[in-house]
Amino acid sequence: MAIYECRKCNREEFVARRYRYHFGPSCRCPECGTYRVVRLKQPDKIDRKHGGFLNFLERLAGGGRLFHCRWCRLQFFDRRVVGTAVTGATSKAGVTLEAEKTADRAH
């Protein structure tokens, strides 16, 4: 399970992680959720393939577009396009927080 907490009102929302990654405007890794994926022209014989019912539906809906996660070394199908910039609130906030932490350490 993934637990999200609003920074303003401190409300927690419990969401199953694997289903959450199939929503949104751009392609995400179904295992780790990163936006850093690349499109493959043909399957890689070494890296593992993501299975399951949702991956099967993504393959049917997306016309067979195959993607590869650089971090998990996972191949999967998705109907969405690769995101050029991270626009998600959680990921953008995470990047901002890391940058702030680095800036605070430097001072």
C-alpha atoms as a PDB file:
ATOM      1  CA  MET A   1       0.000   0.000   0.000  1.00  0.00           C
ATOM      2  CA  ALA A   2       1.013   3.567  -0.577  1.00  0.00           C
ATOM      3  CA  ILE A   3       0.080   6.242   1.941  1.00  0.00           C
ATOM      4  CA  TYR A   4      -0.264   9.849   0.772  1.00  0.00           C
ATOM      5  CA  GLU A   5      -0.528  12.752   3.204  1.00  0.00           C
ATOM      6  CA  CYS A   6      -1.658  16.275   2.338  1.00  0.00           C
ATOM      7  CA  ARG A   7       0.865  18.827   3.560  1.00  0.00           C
ATOM      8  CA  LYS A   8      -1.796  21.452   4.179  1.00  0.00           C
ATOM      9  CA  CYS A   9      -4.525  19.522   6.009  1.00  0.00           C
ATOM     10  CA  ASN A  10      -2.521  16.409   7.126  1.00  0.00           C
ATOM     11  CA  ARG A  11      -5.205  14.089   5.709  1.00  0.00           C
ATOM     12  CA  GLU A  12      -3.943  10.607   4.808  1.00  0.00           C
ATOM     13  CA  GLU A  13      -5.135   8.639   1.782  1.00  0.00           C
ATOM     14  CA  PHE A  14      -4.420   4.941   1.382  1.00  0.00           C
ATOM     15  CA  VAL A  15      -4.090   3.763  -2.229  1.00  0.00           C
ATOM     16  CA  ALA A  16      -2.883   0.496  -3.707  1.00  0.00           C
ATOM     17  CA  ARG A  17       0.362   1.448  -5.450  1.00  0.00           C
ATOM     18  CA  ARG A  18       0.270  -0.831  -8.451  1.00  0.00           C
ATOM     19  CA  TYR A  19      -3.113   0.458  -9.599  1.00  0.00           C
ATOM     20  CA  ARG A  20      -2.176   4.111  -9.079  1.00  0.00           C
ATOM     21  CA  TYR A  21       0.660   3.984 -11.624  1.00  0.00           C
ATOM     22  CA  HIS A  22      -1.745   3.173 -14.468  1.00  0.00           C
ATOM     23  CA  PHE A  23      -3.432   6.595 -14.173  1.00  0.00           C
ATOM     24  CA  GLY A  24      -2.135   9.974 -15.302  1.00  0.00           C
ATOM     25  CA  PRO A  25      -1.085  11.678 -18.523  1.00  0.00           C
ATOM     26  CA  SER A  26       2.336  10.077 -19.021  1.00  0.00           C
ATOM     27  CA  CYS A  27       3.908   6.642 -18.851  1.00  0.00           C
ATOM     28  CA  ARG A  28       5.253   5.349 -15.514  1.00  0.00           C
ATOM     29  CA  CYS A  29       6.985   2.174 -14.427  1.00  0.00           C
ATOM     30  CA  PRO A  30       4.387  -0.173 -12.891  1.00  0.00           C
ATOM     31  CA  GLU A  31       6.868  -1.360 -10.266  1.00  0.00           C
ATOM     32  CA  CYS A  32       8.742   1.699  -8.967  1.00  0.00           C
ATOM     33  CA  GLY A  33       6.657   4.528 -10.467  1.00  0.00           C
ATOM     34  CA  THR A  34       9.487   6.472 -12.076  1.00  0.00           C
ATOM     35  CA  TYR A  35       8.861   8.620 -15.143  1.00  0.00           C
ATOM     36  CA  ARG A  36      12.318   7.782 -16.544  1.00  0.00           C
ATOM     37  CA  VAL A  37      11.271   5.159 -19.039  1.00  0.00           C
ATOM     38  CA  VAL A  38      12.242   4.702 -22.667  1.00  0.00           C
ATOM     39  CA  ARG A  39      10.324   3.236 -25.552  1.00  0.00           C
ATOM     40  CA  LEU A  40      11.629  -0.010 -27.046  1.00  0.00           C
ATOM     41  CA  LYS A  41      11.282  -0.980 -30.683  1.00  0.00           C
ATOM     42  CA  GLN A  42      11.573  -4.676 -29.922  1.00  0.00           C
ATOM     43  CA  PRO A  43      11.653  -6.791 -26.745  1.00  0.00           C
ATOM     44  CA  ASP A  44      14.928  -7.209 -24.891  1.00  0.00           C
ATOM     45  CA  LYS A  45      15.883 -10.851 -24.369  1.00  0.00           C
ATOM     46  CA  ILE A  46      17.738 -10.235 -21.089  1.00  0.00           C
ATOM     47  CA  ASP A  47      15.468  -7.988 -19.007  1.00  0.00           C
ATOM     48  CA  ARG A  48      12.312  -9.389 -17.459  1.00  0.00           C
ATOM     49  CA  LYS A  49       8.787  -8.596 -18.655  1.00  0.00           C
ATOM     50  CA  HIS A  50       5.967  -7.339 -16.481  1.00  0.00           C
ATOM     51  CA  GLY A  51       3.005  -9.675 -16.509  1.00  0.00           C
ATOM     52  CA  GLY A  52      -0.499  -9.520 -15.193  1.00  0.00           C
ATOM     53  CA  PHE A  53      -3.965  -8.517 -16.237  1.00  0.00           C
ATOM     54  CA  LEU A  54      -3.388  -4.751 -16.210  1.00  0.00           C
ATOM     55  CA  ASN A  55      -0.313  -5.094 -18.416  1.00  0.00           C
ATOM     56  CA  PHE A  56      -2.398  -7.170 -20.828  1.00  0.00           C
ATOM     57  CA  LEU A  57      -5.063  -4.434 -20.949  1.00  0.00           C
ATOM     58  CA  GLU A  58      -2.394  -1.778 -21.497  1.00  0.00           C
ATOM     59  CA  ARG A  59      -1.029  -3.824 -24.401  1.00  0.00           C
ATOM     60  CA  LEU A  60      -4.457  -4.063 -26.003  1.00  0.00           C
ATOM     61  CA  ALA A  61      -5.344  -0.384 -25.415  1.00  0.00           C
ATOM     62  CA  GLY A  62      -1.952   0.982 -26.428  1.00  0.00           C
ATOM     63  CA  GLY A  63      -1.512  -0.937 -29.639  1.00  0.00           C
ATOM     64  CA  GLY A  64       1.489  -2.859 -28.323  1.00  0.00           C
ATOM     65  CA  ARG A  65       3.826   0.004 -27.321  1.00  0.00           C
ATOM     66  CA  LEU A  66       6.643  -1.488 -25.281  1.00  0.00           C
ATOM     67  CA  PHE A  67       8.555   0.523 -22.649  1.00  0.00           C
ATOM     68  CA  HIS A  68      11.595  -0.159 -20.477  1.00  0.00           C
ATOM     69  CA  CYS A  69      12.346   1.110 -16.955  1.00  0.00           C
ATOM     70  CA  ARG A  70      16.002   2.027 -16.518  1.00  0.00           C
ATOM     71  CA  TRP A  71      15.952   1.503 -12.758  1.00  0.00           C
ATOM     72  CA  CYS A  72      14.023  -1.778 -12.423  1.00  0.00           C
ATOM     73  CA  ARG A  73      15.215  -3.180 -15.759  1.00  0.00           C
ATOM     74  CA  LEU A  74      11.602  -4.074 -16.453  1.00  0.00           C
ATOM     75  CA  GLN A  75       9.798  -4.234 -19.797  1.00  0.00           C
ATOM     76  CA  PHE A  76       6.099  -3.357 -19.849  1.00  0.00           C
ATOM     77  CA  PHE A  77       3.328  -2.158 -22.127  1.00  0.00           C
ATOM     78  CA  ASP A  78       1.577   1.193 -21.762  1.00  0.00           C
ATOM     79  CA  ARG A  79      -0.985   3.191 -23.722  1.00  0.00           C
ATOM     80  CA  ARG A  80       0.413   6.622 -22.759  1.00  0.00           C
ATOM     81  CA  VAL A  81       3.340   8.600 -24.106  1.00  0.00           C
ATOM     82  CA  VAL A  82       6.666   9.155 -22.359  1.00  0.00           C
ATOM     83  CA  GLY A  83       6.577  12.296 -20.217  1.00  0.00           C
ATOM     84  CA  THR A  84       9.176  14.898 -21.195  1.00  0.00           C
ATOM     85  CA  ALA A  85       8.947  16.753 -17.880  1.00  0.00           C
ATOM     86  CA  VAL A  86       7.716  15.573 -14.517  1.00  0.00           C
ATOM     87  CA  THR A  87       4.386  17.266 -13.863  1.00  0.00           C
ATOM     88  CA  GLY A  88       3.093  15.108 -11.009  1.00  0.00           C
ATOM     89  CA  ALA A  89       2.687  16.839  -7.646  1.00  0.00           C
ATOM     90  CA  THR A  90       4.376  14.063  -5.670  1.00  0.00           C
ATOM     91  CA  SER A  91       7.403  13.694  -7.896  1.00  0.00           C
ATOM     92  CA  LYS A  92       7.879  17.425  -8.353  1.00  0.00           C
ATOM     93  CA  ALA A  93       7.617  17.989  -4.612  1.00  0.00           C
ATOM     94  CA  GLY A  94      10.125  15.181  -4.036  1.00  0.00           C
ATOM     95  CA  VAL A  95      12.599  16.781  -6.425  1.00  0.00           C
ATOM     96  CA  THR A  96      12.102  20.173  -4.773  1.00  0.00           C
ATOM     97  CA  LEU A  97      12.640  18.735  -1.317  1.00  0.00           C
ATOM     98  CA  GLU A  98      15.861  17.020  -2.374  1.00  0.00           C
ATOM     99  CA  ALA A  99      17.126  20.243  -3.938  1.00  0.00           C
ATOM    100  CA  GLU A 100      16.272  22.172  -0.779  1.00  0.00           C
ATOM    101  CA  LYS A 101      18.068  19.597   1.372  1.00  0.00           C
ATOM    102  CA  THR A 102      21.175  19.890  -0.793  1.00  0.00           C
ATOM    103  CA  ALA A 103      21.036  23.699  -0.683  1.00  0.00           C
ATOM    104  CA  ASP A 104      20.625  23.661   3.113  1.00  0.00           C
ATOM    105  CA  ARG A 105      23.681  21.440   3.524  1.00  0.00           C
ATOM    106  CA  ALA A 106      25.796  23.743   1.373  1.00  0.00           C
ATOM    107  CA  HIS A 107      25.049  26.771   3.578  1.00  0.00           C
END
